[in-house]
Amino acid sequence: MNENEFIKTLEARAREQGKIIINMPMPKVFRTVCFWLGDHPLRILVPLAFIINFVFHSIIGQRYDEFILKIFGKL
């Protein structure tokens, strides 16, 4: 199998998988979010990490900074 046939096979499988996902019994909103998150994961993960970091830092305080430094200091 050459490269061109391999790419065509992958595209055909991706189309089949897309049809299966569209026909699955899940709400349209959930399906849209899954596709969007699959295409743009950093648009939600990076802000979520900042929010979680801010929450932990405001709740725990200075000990949170020391905890993070202990984790990354050992790497």
PDB file of N, CA and C in Angstrom:
ATOM      1  N   MET A   1       0.854  -1.174   0.000  1.00  0.00           N
ATOM      2  CA  MET A   1       0.000   0.000   0.000  1.00  0.00           C
ATOM      3  C   MET A   1       0.900   1.237   0.000  1.00  0.00           C
ATOM      4  N   ASN A   2       0.663   2.101  -0.959  1.00  0.00           N
ATOM      5  CA  ASN A   2       1.467   3.313  -1.000  1.00  0.00           C
ATOM      6  C   ASN A   2       0.828   4.393  -0.126  1.00  0.00           C
ATOM      7  N   GLU A   3       1.493   5.509  -0.072  1.00  0.00           N
ATOM      8  CA  GLU A   3       1.062   6.589   0.828  1.00  0.00           C
ATOM      9  C   GLU A   3      -0.297   7.158   0.428  1.00  0.00           C
ATOM     10  N   ASN A   4      -0.538   7.290  -0.858  1.00  0.00           N
ATOM     11  CA  ASN A   4      -1.803   7.848  -1.333  1.00  0.00           C
ATOM     12  C   ASN A   4      -2.978   6.951  -0.957  1.00  0.00           C
ATOM     13  N   GLU A   5      -2.838   5.648  -1.120  1.00  0.00           N
ATOM     14  CA  GLU A   5      -3.897   4.718  -0.744  1.00  0.00           C
ATOM     15  C   GLU A   5      -4.115   4.717   0.761  1.00  0.00           C
ATOM     16  N   PHE A   6      -3.045   4.826   1.524  1.00  0.00           N
ATOM     17  CA  PHE A   6      -3.147   4.860   2.980  1.00  0.00           C
ATOM     18  C   PHE A   6      -3.934   6.084   3.439  1.00  0.00           C
ATOM     19  N   ILE A   7      -3.647   7.238   2.844  1.00  0.00           N
ATOM     20  CA  ILE A   7      -4.362   8.468   3.212  1.00  0.00           C
ATOM     21  C   ILE A   7      -5.836   8.353   2.838  1.00  0.00           C
ATOM     22  N   LYS A   8      -6.136   7.785   1.675  1.00  0.00           N
ATOM     23  CA  LYS A   8      -7.534   7.606   1.272  1.00  0.00           C
ATOM     24  C   LYS A   8      -8.261   6.665   2.227  1.00  0.00           C
ATOM     25  N   THR A   9      -7.581   5.612   2.669  1.00  0.00           N
ATOM     26  CA  THR A   9      -8.178   4.681   3.630  1.00  0.00           C
ATOM     27  C   THR A   9      -8.457   5.382   4.958  1.00  0.00           C
ATOM     28  N   LEU A  10      -7.523   6.194   5.431  1.00  0.00           N
ATOM     29  CA  LEU A  10      -7.735   6.928   6.685  1.00  0.00           C
ATOM     30  C   LEU A  10      -8.887   7.916   6.558  1.00  0.00           C
ATOM     31  N   GLU A  11      -8.975   8.607   5.432  1.00  0.00           N
ATOM     32  CA  GLU A  11     -10.073   9.554   5.231  1.00  0.00           C
ATOM     33  C   GLU A  11     -11.413   8.841   5.192  1.00  0.00           C
ATOM     34  N   ALA A  12     -11.469   7.671   4.551  1.00  0.00           N
ATOM     35  CA  ALA A  12     -12.715   6.900   4.508  1.00  0.00           C
ATOM     36  C   ALA A  12     -13.118   6.448   5.905  1.00  0.00           C
ATOM     37  N   ARG A  13     -12.163   5.983   6.695  1.00  0.00           N
ATOM     38  CA  ARG A  13     -12.472   5.567   8.071  1.00  0.00           C
ATOM     39  C   ARG A  13     -12.927   6.754   8.912  1.00  0.00           C
ATOM     40  N   ALA A  14     -12.318   7.916   8.703  1.00  0.00           N
ATOM     41  CA  ALA A  14     -12.726   9.111   9.454  1.00  0.00           C
ATOM     42  C   ALA A  14     -14.151   9.516   9.090  1.00  0.00           C
ATOM     43  N   ARG A  15     -14.510   9.422   7.801  1.00  0.00           N
ATOM     44  CA  ARG A  15     -15.887   9.732   7.394  1.00  0.00           C
ATOM     45  C   ARG A  15     -16.873   8.746   8.022  1.00  0.00           C
ATOM     46  N   GLU A  16     -16.524   7.466   8.028  1.00  0.00           N
ATOM     47  CA  GLU A  16     -17.396   6.463   8.640  1.00  0.00           C
ATOM     48  C   GLU A  16     -17.570   6.716  10.131  1.00  0.00           C
ATOM     49  N   GLN A  17     -16.476   7.048  10.801  1.00  0.00           N
ATOM     50  CA  GLN A  17     -16.551   7.331  12.236  1.00  0.00           C
ATOM     51  C   GLN A  17     -17.393   8.573  12.497  1.00  0.00           C
ATOM     52  N   GLY A  18     -17.252   9.591  11.651  1.00  0.00           N
ATOM     53  CA  GLY A  18     -18.069  10.798  11.795  1.00  0.00           C
ATOM     54  C   GLY A  18     -19.548  10.496  11.640  1.00  0.00           C
ATOM     55  N   LYS A  19     -19.901   9.625  10.676  1.00  0.00           N
ATOM     56  CA  LYS A  19     -21.305   9.252  10.494  1.00  0.00           C
ATOM     57  C   LYS A  19     -21.826   8.503  11.718  1.00  0.00           C
ATOM     58  N   ILE A  20     -21.001   7.628  12.274  1.00  0.00           N
ATOM     59  CA  ILE A  20     -21.413   6.876  13.466  1.00  0.00           C
ATOM     60  C   ILE A  20     -21.648   7.820  14.639  1.00  0.00           C
ATOM     61  N   ILE A  21     -20.746   8.773  14.824  1.00  0.00           N
ATOM     62  CA  ILE A  21     -20.883   9.713  15.940  1.00  0.00           C
ATOM     63  C   ILE A  21     -22.113  10.588  15.768  1.00  0.00           C
ATOM     64  N   ILE A  22     -22.372  11.031  14.542  1.00  0.00           N
ATOM     65  CA  ILE A  22     -23.545  11.880  14.305  1.00  0.00           C
ATOM     66  C   ILE A  22     -24.833  11.115  14.575  1.00  0.00           C
ATOM     67  N   ASN A  23     -24.858   9.837  14.270  1.00  0.00           N
ATOM     68  CA  ASN A  23     -26.067   9.038  14.472  1.00  0.00           C
ATOM     69  C   ASN A  23     -26.220   8.505  15.895  1.00  0.00           C
ATOM     70  N   MET A  24     -25.249   8.746  16.762  1.00  0.00           N
ATOM     71  CA  MET A  24     -25.351   8.273  18.143  1.00  0.00           C
ATOM     72  C   MET A  24     -26.447   9.034  18.879  1.00  0.00           C
ATOM     73  N   PRO A  25     -27.124   8.365  19.812  1.00  0.00           N
ATOM     74  CA  PRO A  25     -28.215   9.030  20.533  1.00  0.00           C
ATOM     75  C   PRO A  25     -27.707   9.906  21.673  1.00  0.00           C
ATOM     76  N   MET A  26     -27.136  11.040  21.327  1.00  0.00           N
ATOM     77  CA  MET A  26     -26.707  11.994  22.350  1.00  0.00           C
ATOM     78  C   MET A  26     -27.220  13.372  21.958  1.00  0.00           C
ATOM     79  N   PRO A  27     -27.392  14.243  22.914  1.00  0.00           N
ATOM     80  CA  PRO A  27     -27.906  15.574  22.593  1.00  0.00           C
ATOM     81  C   PRO A  27     -26.988  16.316  21.625  1.00  0.00           C
ATOM     82  N   LYS A  28     -27.601  17.162  20.828  1.00  0.00           N
ATOM     83  CA  LYS A  28     -26.857  17.916  19.819  1.00  0.00           C
ATOM     84  C   LYS A  28     -25.817  18.825  20.461  1.00  0.00           C
ATOM     85  N   VAL A  29     -26.119  19.411  21.599  1.00  0.00           N
ATOM     86  CA  VAL A  29     -25.170  20.305  22.274  1.00  0.00           C
ATOM     87  C   VAL A  29     -23.929  19.537  22.702  1.00  0.00           C
ATOM     88  N   PHE A  30     -24.126  18.363  23.283  1.00  0.00           N
ATOM     89  CA  PHE A  30     -22.994  17.558  23.724  1.00  0.00           C
ATOM     90  C   PHE A  30     -22.125  17.152  22.545  1.00  0.00           C
ATOM     91  N   ARG A  31     -22.743  16.761  21.442  1.00  0.00           N
ATOM     92  CA  ARG A  31     -21.994  16.367  20.253  1.00  0.00           C
ATOM     93  C   ARG A  31     -21.196  17.557  19.711  1.00  0.00           C
ATOM     94  N   THR A  32     -21.787  18.748  19.685  1.00  0.00           N
ATOM     95  CA  THR A  32     -21.098  19.947  19.202  1.00  0.00           C
ATOM     96  C   THR A  32     -19.911  20.285  20.090  1.00  0.00           C
ATOM     97  N   VAL A  33     -20.095  20.205  21.401  1.00  0.00           N
ATOM     98  CA  VAL A  33     -19.004  20.495  22.328  1.00  0.00           C
ATOM     99  C   VAL A  33     -17.874  19.483  22.169  1.00  0.00           C
ATOM    100  N   CYS A  34     -18.215  18.223  21.978  1.00  0.00           N
ATOM    101  CA  CYS A  34     -17.179  17.193  21.800  1.00  0.00           C
ATOM    102  C   CYS A  34     -16.350  17.459  20.561  1.00  0.00           C
ATOM    103  N   PHE A  35     -17.016  17.777  19.446  1.00  0.00           N
ATOM    104  CA  PHE A  35     -16.271  18.070  18.223  1.00  0.00           C
ATOM    105  C   PHE A  35     -15.422  19.322  18.386  1.00  0.00           C
ATOM    106  N   TRP A  36     -15.982  20.373  19.020  1.00  0.00           N
ATOM    107  CA  TRP A  36     -15.250  21.622  19.183  1.00  0.00           C
ATOM    108  C   TRP A  36     -14.051  21.431  20.108  1.00  0.00           C
ATOM    109  N   LEU A  37     -14.246  20.691  21.199  1.00  0.00           N
ATOM    110  CA  LEU A  37     -13.150  20.437  22.128  1.00  0.00           C
ATOM    111  C   LEU A  37     -12.094  19.548  21.489  1.00  0.00           C
ATOM    112  N   GLY A  38     -12.516  18.644  20.632  1.00  0.00           N
ATOM    113  CA  GLY A  38     -11.558  17.804  19.924  1.00  0.00           C
ATOM    114  C   GLY A  38     -10.703  18.588  18.952  1.00  0.00           C
ATOM    115  N   ASP A  39     -11.260  19.640  18.358  1.00  0.00           N
ATOM    116  CA  ASP A  39     -10.503  20.459  17.409  1.00  0.00           C
ATOM    117  C   ASP A  39      -9.691  21.547  18.099  1.00  0.00           C
ATOM    118  N   HIS A  40     -10.186  22.075  19.219  1.00  0.00           N
ATOM    119  CA  HIS A  40      -9.547  23.200  19.903  1.00  0.00           C
ATOM    120  C   HIS A  40      -9.424  22.945  21.405  1.00  0.00           C
ATOM    121  N   PRO A  41      -8.654  21.940  21.828  1.00  0.00           N
ATOM    122  CA  PRO A  41      -8.623  21.601  23.258  1.00  0.00           C
ATOM    123  C   PRO A  41      -7.973  22.672  24.126  1.00  0.00           C
ATOM    124  N   LEU A  42      -7.008  23.409  23.592  1.00  0.00           N
ATOM    125  CA  LEU A  42      -6.308  24.386  24.423  1.00  0.00           C
ATOM    126  C   LEU A  42      -7.150  25.618  24.719  1.00  0.00           C
ATOM    127  N   ARG A  43      -8.189  25.857  23.928  1.00  0.00           N
ATOM    128  CA  ARG A  43      -9.059  27.005  24.179  1.00  0.00           C
ATOM    129  C   ARG A  43      -9.827  26.859  25.480  1.00  0.00           C
ATOM    130  N   ILE A  44     -10.034  25.630  25.929  1.00  0.00           N
ATOM    131  CA  ILE A  44     -10.737  25.425  27.193  1.00  0.00           C
ATOM    132  C   ILE A  44      -9.799  24.955  28.287  1.00  0.00           C
ATOM    133  N   LEU A  45      -8.794  24.172  27.958  1.00  0.00           N
ATOM    134  CA  LEU A  45      -7.931  23.604  28.989  1.00  0.00           C
ATOM    135  C   LEU A  45      -7.019  24.640  29.634  1.00  0.00           C
ATOM    136  N   VAL A  46      -6.480  25.562  28.847  1.00  0.00           N
ATOM    137  CA  VAL A  46      -5.582  26.573  29.412  1.00  0.00           C
ATOM    138  C   VAL A  46      -6.341  27.529  30.342  1.00  0.00           C
ATOM    139  N   PRO A  47      -7.481  28.102  29.932  1.00  0.00           N
ATOM    140  CA  PRO A  47      -8.217  28.944  30.890  1.00  0.00           C
ATOM    141  C   PRO A  47      -8.684  28.177  32.123  1.00  0.00           C
ATOM    142  N   LEU A  48      -9.071  26.909  31.933  1.00  0.00           N
ATOM    143  CA  LEU A  48      -9.484  26.097  33.077  1.00  0.00           C
ATOM    144  C   LEU A  48      -8.330  25.901  34.049  1.00  0.00           C
ATOM    145  N   ALA A  49      -7.126  25.688  33.526  1.00  0.00           N
ATOM    146  CA  ALA A  49      -5.956  25.531  34.399  1.00  0.00           C
ATOM    147  C   ALA A  49      -5.685  26.816  35.179  1.00  0.00           C
ATOM    148  N   PHE A  50      -5.821  27.970  34.526  1.00  0.00           N
ATOM    149  CA  PHE A  50      -5.617  29.238  35.236  1.00  0.00           C
ATOM    150  C   PHE A  50      -6.663  29.446  36.327  1.00  0.00           C
ATOM    151  N   ILE A  51      -7.911  29.101  36.032  1.00  0.00           N
ATOM    152  CA  ILE A  51      -8.975  29.260  37.029  1.00  0.00           C
ATOM    153  C   ILE A  51      -8.736  28.343  38.224  1.00  0.00           C
ATOM    154  N   ILE A  52      -8.389  27.087  37.957  1.00  0.00           N
ATOM    155  CA  ILE A  52      -8.125  26.145  39.052  1.00  0.00           C
ATOM    156  C   ILE A  52      -6.934  26.600  39.876  1.00  0.00           C
ATOM    157  N   ASN A  53      -5.896  27.068  39.198  1.00  0.00           N
ATOM    158  CA  ASN A  53      -4.713  27.571  39.900  1.00  0.00           C
ATOM    159  C   ASN A  53      -5.075  28.764  40.785  1.00  0.00           C
ATOM    160  N   PHE A  54      -5.872  29.685  40.266  1.00  0.00           N
ATOM    161  CA  PHE A  54      -6.281  30.860  41.040  1.00  0.00           C
ATOM    162  C   PHE A  54      -7.111  30.461  42.258  1.00  0.00           C
ATOM    163  N   VAL A  55      -8.020  29.508  42.069  1.00  0.00           N
ATOM    164  CA  VAL A  55      -8.875  29.070  43.178  1.00  0.00           C
ATOM    165  C   VAL A  55      -8.039  28.429  44.279  1.00  0.00           C
ATOM    166  N   PHE A  56      -7.150  27.500  43.893  1.00  0.00           N
ATOM    167  CA  PHE A  56      -6.309  26.852  44.896  1.00  0.00           C
ATOM    168  C   PHE A  56      -5.392  27.847  45.591  1.00  0.00           C
ATOM    169  N   HIS A  57      -4.850  28.785  44.823  1.00  0.00           N
ATOM    170  CA  HIS A  57      -3.942  29.764  45.419  1.00  0.00           C
ATOM    171  C   HIS A  57      -4.688  30.684  46.382  1.00  0.00           C
ATOM    172  N   SER A  58      -5.923  31.054  46.048  1.00  0.00           N
ATOM    173  CA  SER A  58      -6.674  31.931  46.950  1.00  0.00           C
ATOM    174  C   SER A  58      -7.161  31.181  48.189  1.00  0.00           C
ATOM    175  N   ILE A  59      -7.436  29.890  48.082  1.00  0.00           N
ATOM    176  CA  ILE A  59      -7.910  29.121  49.229  1.00  0.00           C
ATOM    177  C   ILE A  59      -6.747  28.721  50.132  1.00  0.00           C
ATOM    178  N   ILE A  60      -5.703  28.141  49.554  1.00  0.00           N
ATOM    179  CA  ILE A  60      -4.610  27.598  50.350  1.00  0.00           C
ATOM    180  C   ILE A  60      -3.560  28.649  50.680  1.00  0.00           C
ATOM    181  N   GLY A  61      -3.283  29.542  49.739  1.00  0.00           N
ATOM    182  CA  GLY A  61      -2.324  30.613  49.996  1.00  0.00           C
ATOM    183  C   GLY A  61      -0.891  30.214  49.700  1.00  0.00           C
ATOM    184  N   GLN A  62       0.013  30.632  50.554  1.00  0.00           N
ATOM    185  CA  GLN A  62       1.451  30.423  50.361  1.00  0.00           C
ATOM    186  C   GLN A  62       1.822  28.942  50.339  1.00  0.00           C
ATOM    187  N   ARG A  63       1.112  28.122  51.083  1.00  0.00           N
ATOM    188  CA  ARG A  63       1.412  26.689  51.096  1.00  0.00           C
ATOM    189  C   ARG A  63       1.218  26.062  49.709  1.00  0.00           C
ATOM    190  N   TYR A  64       0.290  26.599  48.920  1.00  0.00           N
ATOM    191  CA  TYR A  64       0.078  26.089  47.568  1.00  0.00           C
ATOM    192  C   TYR A  64       1.310  26.337  46.698  1.00  0.00           C
ATOM    193  N   ASP A  65       1.901  27.517  46.823  1.00  0.00           N
ATOM    194  CA  ASP A  65       3.134  27.817  46.076  1.00  0.00           C
ATOM    195  C   ASP A  65       4.249  26.860  46.468  1.00  0.00           C
ATOM    196  N   GLU A  66       4.391  26.619  47.762  1.00  0.00           N
ATOM    197  CA  GLU A  66       5.431  25.701  48.223  1.00  0.00           C
ATOM    198  C   GLU A  66       5.174  24.278  47.730  1.00  0.00           C
ATOM    199  N   PHE A  67       3.914  23.871  47.703  1.00  0.00           N
ATOM    200  CA  PHE A  67       3.558  22.540  47.227  1.00  0.00           C
ATOM    201  C   PHE A  67       3.914  22.380  45.743  1.00  0.00           C
ATOM    202  N   ILE A  68       3.575  23.365  44.935  1.00  0.00           N
ATOM    203  CA  ILE A  68       3.887  23.320  43.502  1.00  0.00           C
ATOM    204  C   ILE A  68       5.394  23.316  43.285  1.00  0.00           C
ATOM    205  N   LEU A  69       6.115  24.105  44.057  1.00  0.00           N
ATOM    206  CA  LEU A  69       7.569  24.128  43.913  1.00  0.00           C
ATOM    207  C   LEU A  69       8.186  22.785  44.314  1.00  0.00           C
ATOM    208  N   LYS A  70       7.621  22.113  45.308  1.00  0.00           N
ATOM    209  CA  LYS A  70       8.114  20.787  45.686  1.00  0.00           C
ATOM    210  C   LYS A  70       7.884  19.787  44.550  1.00  0.00           C
ATOM    211  N   ILE A  71       6.715  19.861  43.917  1.00  0.00           N
ATOM    212  CA  ILE A  71       6.415  18.932  42.820  1.00  0.00           C
ATOM    213  C   ILE A  71       7.373  19.144  41.655  1.00  0.00           C
ATOM    214  N   PHE A  72       7.501  20.375  41.199  1.00  0.00           N
ATOM    215  CA  PHE A  72       8.320  20.643  40.020  1.00  0.00           C
ATOM    216  C   PHE A  72       9.798  20.747  40.350  1.00  0.00           C
ATOM    217  N   GLY A  73      10.152  20.890  41.617  1.00  0.00           N
ATOM    218  CA  GLY A  73      11.560  20.918  42.001  1.00  0.00           C
ATOM    219  C   GLY A  73      12.211  19.548  41.914  1.00  0.00           C
ATOM    220  N   LYS A  74      11.381  18.497  41.988  1.00  0.00           N
ATOM    221  CA  LYS A  74      11.923  17.140  41.935  1.00  0.00           C
ATOM    222  C   LYS A  74      12.026  16.599  40.524  1.00  0.00           C
ATOM    223  N   LEU A  75      11.507  17.307  39.548  1.00  0.00           N
ATOM    224  CA  LEU A  75      11.552  16.808  38.158  1.00  0.00           C
ATOM    225  C   LEU A  75      12.899  16.949  37.542  1.00  0.00           C
TER     226      LEU A  75
END
